[in-house]
């Protein structure tokens, strides 16, 4: 009986010790209601842009990761980045900021974007990046052009900007620092209005002193510069390969065009040119060809112009005009 009593007492003592140990852990873990954050992870979260204050951010439950760049429109270029040459932005505490925040409850867009932020939840911890760089790599989003009748045509629907932090250091409220040699913020997809190509094929015109054909609609133009042999003087088909002497260009302007813009020896300064896409040089029988079908109509010839397997390129971005794009018709 004596041995059994000692054994029972030992069990009771062990239970007391374990209970005290568990209470100590609980008390220390909940001290002051703080949540200890060791690292941040927003890998599977979609990036969103604030229209009001131009912040780029990700939110996940009670956390937010925010990028604020001065004149950010300068970094959201409509052009694919050179391979291995991203746009770089130096992080600082004034104009180009990266901030991590933890809130007391689930965070919403109004906590980030509103002119007067929502009163709740409250920010309970904030990390401010004090050093590092933001690398932005841009890629054009090329998708099928379902509205084109040219066959297999594509269009640029927008641009994807991939954000990567390099050698970024966050300063925590307790004075500690959190360092990441590489941290992927992820992609920000910016959709753009597809290029309209709202041309009327019957509105094609030719300059009287050059072999420039042009068509325009609103703020866009589509111009062909061809060598003089286009006018064969006989009915039939004449094919030109896109080159330095047979050029195709599509342009967008900041304001509307008129006939007065065309046919001058030097390009006018107004309206201001916004974008120019040039056709890639062709290969005979393969790609990049201009086909002109001439038919005699009375004393004149009717010229129907088709662009065959033409690719338009701007910087490192490009899209496919289609297998057989009908440019238009002109009498001469």
Protein backbone atom coordinates (compact mmCIF):
# COMPACT_ATOMS: atom_id res chain seq x y z
CA UNK A 1 0.00 0.00 0.00
CA UNK A 2 2.86 2.34 0.81
CA UNK A 3 4.47 1.98 -2.65
CA UNK A 4 1.14 2.59 -4.36
CA UNK A 5 0.60 5.84 -2.42
CA UNK A 6 4.04 7.16 -3.40
CA UNK A 7 3.30 6.33 -7.05
CA UNK A 8 -0.04 8.15 -6.94
CA UNK A 9 1.57 11.20 -5.37
CA UNK A 10 4.22 11.27 -8.08
CA UNK A 11 1.53 11.26 -10.77
CA UNK A 12 -0.27 14.14 -9.08
CA UNK A 13 2.95 16.14 -8.87
CA UNK A 14 3.68 15.55 -12.56
CA UNK A 15 0.20 16.75 -13.51
CA UNK A 16 0.74 19.96 -11.53
CA UNK A 17 4.09 20.60 -13.19
CA UNK A 18 2.71 19.99 -16.70
CA UNK A 19 -0.28 22.21 -15.99
CA UNK A 20 1.96 25.02 -14.77
CA UNK A 21 4.20 24.64 -17.85
CA UNK A 22 1.20 24.81 -20.22
CA UNK A 23 -0.13 27.90 -18.46
CA UNK A 24 3.27 29.58 -18.73
CA UNK A 25 3.39 28.90 -22.48
CA UNK A 26 -0.14 30.22 -22.92
CA UNK A 27 0.58 33.35 -20.88
CA UNK A 28 3.81 34.15 -22.77
CA UNK A 29 2.22 33.47 -26.17
CA UNK A 30 -0.65 35.85 -25.47
CA UNK A 31 1.33 38.58 -23.73
CA UNK A 32 -0.22 41.99 -24.56
CA UNK A 33 -2.32 40.37 -27.28
CA UNK A 34 0.60 40.52 -29.79
CA UNK A 35 0.87 38.19 -32.76
CA UNK A 36 4.46 37.37 -33.65
CA UNK A 37 4.93 37.50 -37.43
CA UNK A 38 8.09 35.82 -38.71
CA UNK A 39 7.56 36.07 -42.47
CA UNK A 40 5.06 37.26 -45.08
CA UNK A 41 3.53 35.26 -47.91
CA UNK A 42 1.19 36.62 -50.61
CA UNK A 43 2.19 34.27 -53.43
CA UNK A 44 -1.34 33.12 -54.31
CA UNK A 45 -3.00 36.55 -53.99
CA UNK A 46 -4.01 38.72 -56.97
CA UNK A 47 -2.53 42.21 -57.15
CA UNK A 48 -4.97 45.13 -57.44
CA UNK A 49 -4.42 48.80 -58.31
CA UNK A 50 -6.16 51.67 -56.48
CA UNK A 51 -7.64 54.18 -58.90
CA UNK A 52 -7.76 56.95 -56.29
CA UNK A 53 -4.21 56.90 -54.97
CA UNK A 54 -2.44 54.64 -57.49
CA UNK A 55 -1.32 52.11 -54.90
CA UNK A 56 -0.64 48.53 -55.93
CA UNK A 57 -1.59 46.09 -53.21
CA UNK A 58 -2.42 42.56 -52.15
CA UNK A 59 -4.71 41.68 -49.25
CA UNK A 60 -5.04 38.31 -47.52
CA UNK A 61 -7.36 37.92 -44.53
CA UNK A 62 -5.93 40.38 -41.99
CA UNK A 63 -2.74 41.25 -43.91
CA UNK A 64 -1.80 43.66 -46.70
CA UNK A 65 1.29 44.21 -48.83
CA UNK A 66 1.42 47.63 -50.51
CA UNK A 67 3.58 49.26 -53.19
CA UNK A 68 3.53 53.02 -53.71
CA UNK A 69 5.62 54.41 -56.59
CA UNK A 70 5.97 58.03 -57.59
CA UNK A 71 4.74 58.57 -61.19
CA UNK A 72 3.92 54.89 -61.50
CA UNK A 73 2.50 55.38 -65.00
CA UNK A 74 6.11 55.71 -66.17
CA UNK A 75 6.73 52.10 -65.16
CA UNK A 76 3.56 50.57 -66.64
CA UNK A 77 4.85 50.65 -70.20
CA UNK A 78 2.97 49.29 -73.21
CA UNK A 79 6.00 47.35 -74.33
CA UNK A 80 7.50 43.95 -73.58
CA UNK A 81 10.72 44.17 -71.57
CA UNK A 82 14.05 43.17 -73.05
CA UNK A 83 15.09 39.73 -71.83
CA UNK A 84 17.05 40.12 -68.61
CA UNK A 85 16.51 43.90 -68.50
CA UNK A 86 13.61 44.73 -66.18
CA UNK A 87 12.70 48.27 -65.16
CA UNK A 88 14.23 48.98 -61.75
CA UNK A 89 12.89 51.26 -59.03
CA UNK A 90 14.91 52.12 -55.91
CA UNK A 91 12.96 51.68 -52.66
CA UNK A 92 13.00 54.58 -50.20
CA UNK A 93 10.80 56.06 -47.48
CA UNK A 94 9.52 59.02 -49.48
CA UNK A 95 8.56 58.35 -53.10
CA UNK A 96 8.89 54.61 -53.73
CA UNK A 97 7.57 52.64 -50.77
CA UNK A 98 6.88 49.01 -49.88
CA UNK A 99 4.83 48.44 -46.72
CA UNK A 100 3.52 45.33 -44.98
CA UNK A 101 0.63 45.67 -42.52
CA UNK A 102 -1.14 43.33 -40.16
CA UNK A 103 -4.64 44.28 -38.97
CA UNK A 104 -6.80 43.41 -36.00
CA UNK A 105 -9.39 41.84 -38.30
CA UNK A 106 -10.15 41.05 -41.92
CA UNK A 107 -8.92 43.85 -44.17
CA UNK A 108 -10.83 45.22 -47.19
CA UNK A 109 -10.15 47.49 -50.16
CA UNK A 110 -11.53 50.46 -48.20
CA UNK A 111 -8.68 50.12 -45.72
CA UNK A 112 -6.17 50.66 -48.52
CA UNK A 113 -7.78 52.80 -51.21
CA UNK A 114 -10.34 55.03 -49.53
CA UNK A 115 -9.57 58.75 -49.19
CA UNK A 116 -10.71 58.38 -45.58
CA UNK A 117 -9.70 54.83 -44.58
CA UNK A 118 -12.20 52.63 -42.80
CA UNK A 119 -12.09 52.98 -39.01
CA UNK A 120 -11.87 49.23 -38.48
CA UNK A 121 -9.90 47.03 -38.40
CA UNK A 122 -6.89 48.74 -36.87
CA UNK A 123 -3.27 48.32 -37.97
CA UNK A 124 -1.53 46.31 -35.26
CA UNK A 125 1.85 45.90 -36.95
CA UNK A 126 3.61 47.62 -39.84
CA UNK A 127 6.86 46.79 -41.59
CA UNK A 128 8.40 49.52 -43.75
CA UNK A 129 10.96 48.68 -46.42
CA UNK A 130 14.10 50.75 -45.91
CA UNK A 131 16.28 49.43 -48.74
CA UNK A 132 16.20 47.35 -51.89
CA UNK A 133 14.91 47.60 -55.44
CA UNK A 134 11.71 46.77 -57.29
CA UNK A 135 12.22 45.00 -60.62
CA UNK A 136 9.33 45.20 -63.12
CA UNK A 137 9.23 42.89 -66.13
CA UNK A 138 6.48 43.62 -68.67
CA UNK A 139 4.93 41.18 -71.15
CA UNK A 140 2.24 41.87 -73.76
CA UNK A 141 -0.88 39.70 -73.41
CA UNK A 142 -1.55 38.45 -76.94
CA UNK A 143 -4.90 36.69 -77.47
CA UNK A 144 -6.97 35.56 -80.49
CA UNK A 145 -8.80 38.39 -82.25
CA UNK A 146 -12.30 36.97 -82.57
CA UNK A 147 -13.64 40.06 -84.38
CA UNK A 148 -11.17 39.87 -87.26
CA UNK A 149 -12.13 38.18 -90.52
CA UNK A 150 -8.49 37.90 -91.66
CA UNK A 151 -7.99 34.41 -90.21
CA UNK A 152 -5.87 33.44 -87.18
CA UNK A 153 -5.44 37.09 -86.21
CA UNK A 154 -4.33 38.06 -82.71
CA UNK A 155 -4.54 41.25 -80.66
CA UNK A 156 -2.90 42.76 -77.59
CA UNK A 157 -5.47 42.73 -74.76
CA UNK A 158 -3.19 44.27 -72.15
CA UNK A 159 0.11 43.89 -70.35
CA UNK A 160 1.33 41.82 -67.41
CA UNK A 161 3.79 43.54 -65.08
CA UNK A 162 5.74 41.11 -62.88
CA UNK A 163 7.09 42.67 -59.66
CA UNK A 164 10.14 41.26 -57.91
CA UNK A 165 11.83 42.71 -54.82
CA UNK A 166 15.61 42.42 -54.70
CA UNK A 167 17.67 42.73 -51.50
CA UNK A 168 14.72 44.23 -49.68
CA UNK A 169 14.99 45.05 -45.96
CA UNK A 170 11.90 45.61 -43.80
CA UNK A 171 12.15 47.47 -40.48
CA UNK A 172 9.82 46.01 -37.84
CA UNK A 173 8.24 48.04 -35.02
CA UNK A 174 10.53 46.41 -32.43
CA UNK A 175 13.63 47.56 -34.33
CA UNK A 176 14.41 44.19 -35.86
CA UNK A 177 14.98 43.83 -39.59
CA UNK A 178 13.57 41.29 -42.03
CA UNK A 179 15.71 40.72 -45.15
CA UNK A 180 14.81 38.98 -48.42
CA UNK A 181 17.41 38.64 -51.17
CA UNK A 182 14.57 37.88 -53.60
CA UNK A 183 10.85 38.25 -52.90
CA UNK A 184 8.26 37.79 -55.65
CA UNK A 185 5.38 40.23 -55.24
CA UNK A 186 3.78 38.67 -58.33
CA UNK A 187 1.87 39.86 -61.37
CA UNK A 188 -0.25 42.91 -61.95
CA UNK A 189 -2.37 42.45 -65.10
CA UNK A 190 -3.36 45.74 -66.72
CA UNK A 191 -5.98 45.42 -69.44
CA UNK A 192 -6.01 47.94 -72.27
CA UNK A 193 -8.52 48.76 -74.98
CA UNK A 194 -7.73 46.68 -78.08
CA UNK A 195 -6.59 48.71 -81.05
CA UNK A 196 -9.84 49.57 -82.85
CA UNK A 197 -8.90 49.10 -86.53
CA UNK A 198 -12.14 50.90 -87.35
CA UNK A 199 -11.27 51.55 -90.99
CA UNK A 200 -13.67 51.64 -93.92
CA UNK A 201 -12.07 49.73 -96.81
CA UNK A 202 -13.70 52.11 -99.27
CA UNK A 203 -11.99 55.15 -97.71
CA UNK A 204 -8.46 54.24 -98.81
CA UNK A 205 -6.73 57.21 -100.50
CA UNK A 206 -3.50 57.72 -102.40
CA UNK A 207 -1.18 60.70 -102.24
CA UNK A 208 -0.83 62.46 -105.56
CA UNK A 209 2.92 62.98 -105.39
CA UNK A 210 3.99 59.72 -103.72
CA UNK A 211 2.98 56.07 -103.70
CA UNK A 212 1.62 56.37 -100.17
CA UNK A 213 -1.76 54.82 -99.50
CA UNK A 214 -3.54 55.79 -96.31
CA UNK A 215 -6.70 55.19 -94.37
CA UNK A 216 -7.66 56.79 -91.07
CA UNK A 217 -10.43 56.66 -88.55
CA UNK A 218 -10.62 58.87 -85.48
CA UNK A 219 -7.21 58.73 -83.82
CA UNK A 220 -5.73 55.86 -85.85
CA UNK A 221 -4.15 55.53 -89.28
CA UNK A 222 -3.03 52.66 -91.49
CA UNK A 223 -0.42 53.60 -94.11
CA UNK A 224 1.28 51.71 -96.96
CA UNK A 225 4.37 53.10 -98.69
CA UNK A 226 4.96 51.13 -101.90
CA UNK A 227 7.40 51.35 -104.78
CA UNK A 228 6.15 52.73 -108.11
CA UNK A 229 5.88 49.33 -109.79
CA UNK A 230 2.51 48.77 -108.10
CA UNK A 231 0.88 50.28 -111.19
CA UNK A 232 1.53 47.63 -113.80
CA UNK A 233 -0.96 49.06 -116.28
CA UNK A 234 -2.42 45.60 -116.82
CA UNK A 235 -4.99 43.47 -115.08
CA UNK A 236 -3.67 40.76 -112.78
CA UNK A 237 -2.01 40.17 -109.43
CA UNK A 238 1.12 41.94 -108.24
CA UNK A 239 2.80 40.87 -105.00
CA UNK A 240 5.19 42.93 -102.89
CA UNK A 241 7.26 41.67 -99.98
CA UNK A 242 7.31 44.01 -96.98
CA UNK A 243 10.75 45.60 -96.83
CA UNK A 244 12.54 48.96 -96.65
CA UNK A 245 10.90 49.96 -99.96
CA UNK A 246 7.45 48.49 -99.27
CA UNK A 247 6.38 49.47 -95.77
CA UNK A 248 3.24 49.08 -93.65
CA UNK A 249 2.62 51.06 -90.47
CA UNK A 250 -0.25 51.41 -88.01
CA UNK A 251 -0.32 54.53 -85.81
CA UNK A 252 -2.29 55.82 -82.86
CA UNK A 253 -2.50 59.53 -82.03
CA UNK A 254 -3.55 61.57 -79.02
CA UNK A 255 -6.25 63.41 -80.98
CA UNK A 256 -8.27 62.94 -84.16
CA UNK A 257 -6.76 62.98 -87.65
CA UNK A 258 -7.71 64.71 -90.92
CA UNK A 259 -6.57 64.40 -94.54
CA UNK A 260 -4.18 67.31 -94.05
CA UNK A 261 -1.90 65.13 -91.91
CA UNK A 262 -0.95 62.90 -94.84
CA UNK A 263 1.09 63.27 -98.05
CA UNK A 264 3.56 65.88 -96.74
CA UNK A 265 7.30 65.38 -97.13
CA UNK A 266 7.78 65.70 -93.35
CA UNK A 267 5.35 64.37 -90.75
CA UNK A 268 3.36 67.13 -88.99
CA UNK A 269 3.91 67.61 -85.26
CA UNK A 270 0.16 67.60 -84.57
CA UNK A 271 -1.71 65.56 -83.70
CA UNK A 272 0.87 64.02 -81.39
CA UNK A 273 1.85 60.43 -82.19
CA UNK A 274 1.14 58.03 -79.31
CA UNK A 275 2.14 54.61 -80.72
CA UNK A 276 3.52 53.28 -83.99
CA UNK A 277 3.47 49.62 -85.05
CA UNK A 278 5.54 48.63 -88.07
CA UNK A 279 5.11 45.52 -90.19
CA UNK A 280 7.90 42.96 -89.89
CA UNK A 281 9.86 42.39 -93.12
CA UNK A 282 8.40 39.56 -95.14
CA UNK A 283 9.69 36.42 -96.83
CA UNK A 284 8.49 35.76 -100.36
CA UNK A 285 5.84 33.05 -100.43
CA UNK A 286 5.94 32.69 -96.63
CA UNK A 287 4.96 35.84 -94.76
CA UNK A 288 4.70 39.61 -94.85
CA UNK A 289 3.37 40.14 -98.36
CA UNK A 290 1.24 42.85 -99.97
CA UNK A 291 -1.01 41.49 -102.70
CA UNK A 292 -2.53 43.93 -105.22
CA UNK A 293 -5.20 42.62 -107.58
CA UNK A 294 -5.76 44.97 -110.53
CA UNK A 295 -9.01 44.95 -112.54
CA UNK A 296 -9.71 47.33 -115.44
CA UNK A 297 -12.81 49.46 -114.93
CA UNK A 298 -13.38 51.62 -118.00
CA UNK A 299 -10.30 53.74 -118.51
CA UNK A 300 -9.08 53.15 -114.95
CA UNK A 301 -7.86 50.25 -112.88
CA UNK A 302 -9.36 49.12 -109.60
CA UNK A 303 -6.72 47.96 -107.14
CA UNK A 304 -7.75 45.65 -104.30
CA UNK A 305 -5.05 45.43 -101.64
CA UNK A 306 -4.57 42.49 -99.26
CA UNK A 307 -2.01 42.06 -96.49
CA UNK A 308 -0.89 38.43 -96.28
CA UNK A 309 0.43 36.93 -93.04
CA UNK A 310 1.58 40.28 -91.73
CA UNK A 311 2.93 40.78 -88.21
CA UNK A 312 2.96 44.26 -86.66
CA UNK A 313 5.67 45.03 -84.14
CA UNK A 314 6.38 47.80 -81.64
CA UNK A 315 9.50 47.51 -79.53
CA UNK A 316 9.47 43.92 -78.24
CA UNK A 317 5.69 43.49 -78.57
CA UNK A 318 3.89 42.19 -81.64
CA UNK A 319 0.59 40.85 -82.89
CA UNK A 320 -0.54 39.01 -86.02
CA UNK A 321 -2.76 40.93 -88.43
CA UNK A 322 -4.06 37.71 -89.95
CA UNK A 323 -3.59 35.30 -92.84
CA UNK A 324 -5.42 37.54 -95.32
CA UNK A 325 -6.28 41.07 -94.20
CA UNK A 326 -8.26 43.17 -96.68
CA UNK A 327 -6.77 46.65 -96.63
CA UNK A 328 -9.10 48.30 -99.15
CA UNK A 329 -9.72 49.35 -102.75
CA UNK A 330 -8.64 52.34 -104.81
CA UNK A 331 -9.23 53.50 -108.40
CA UNK A 332 -6.42 54.97 -110.44
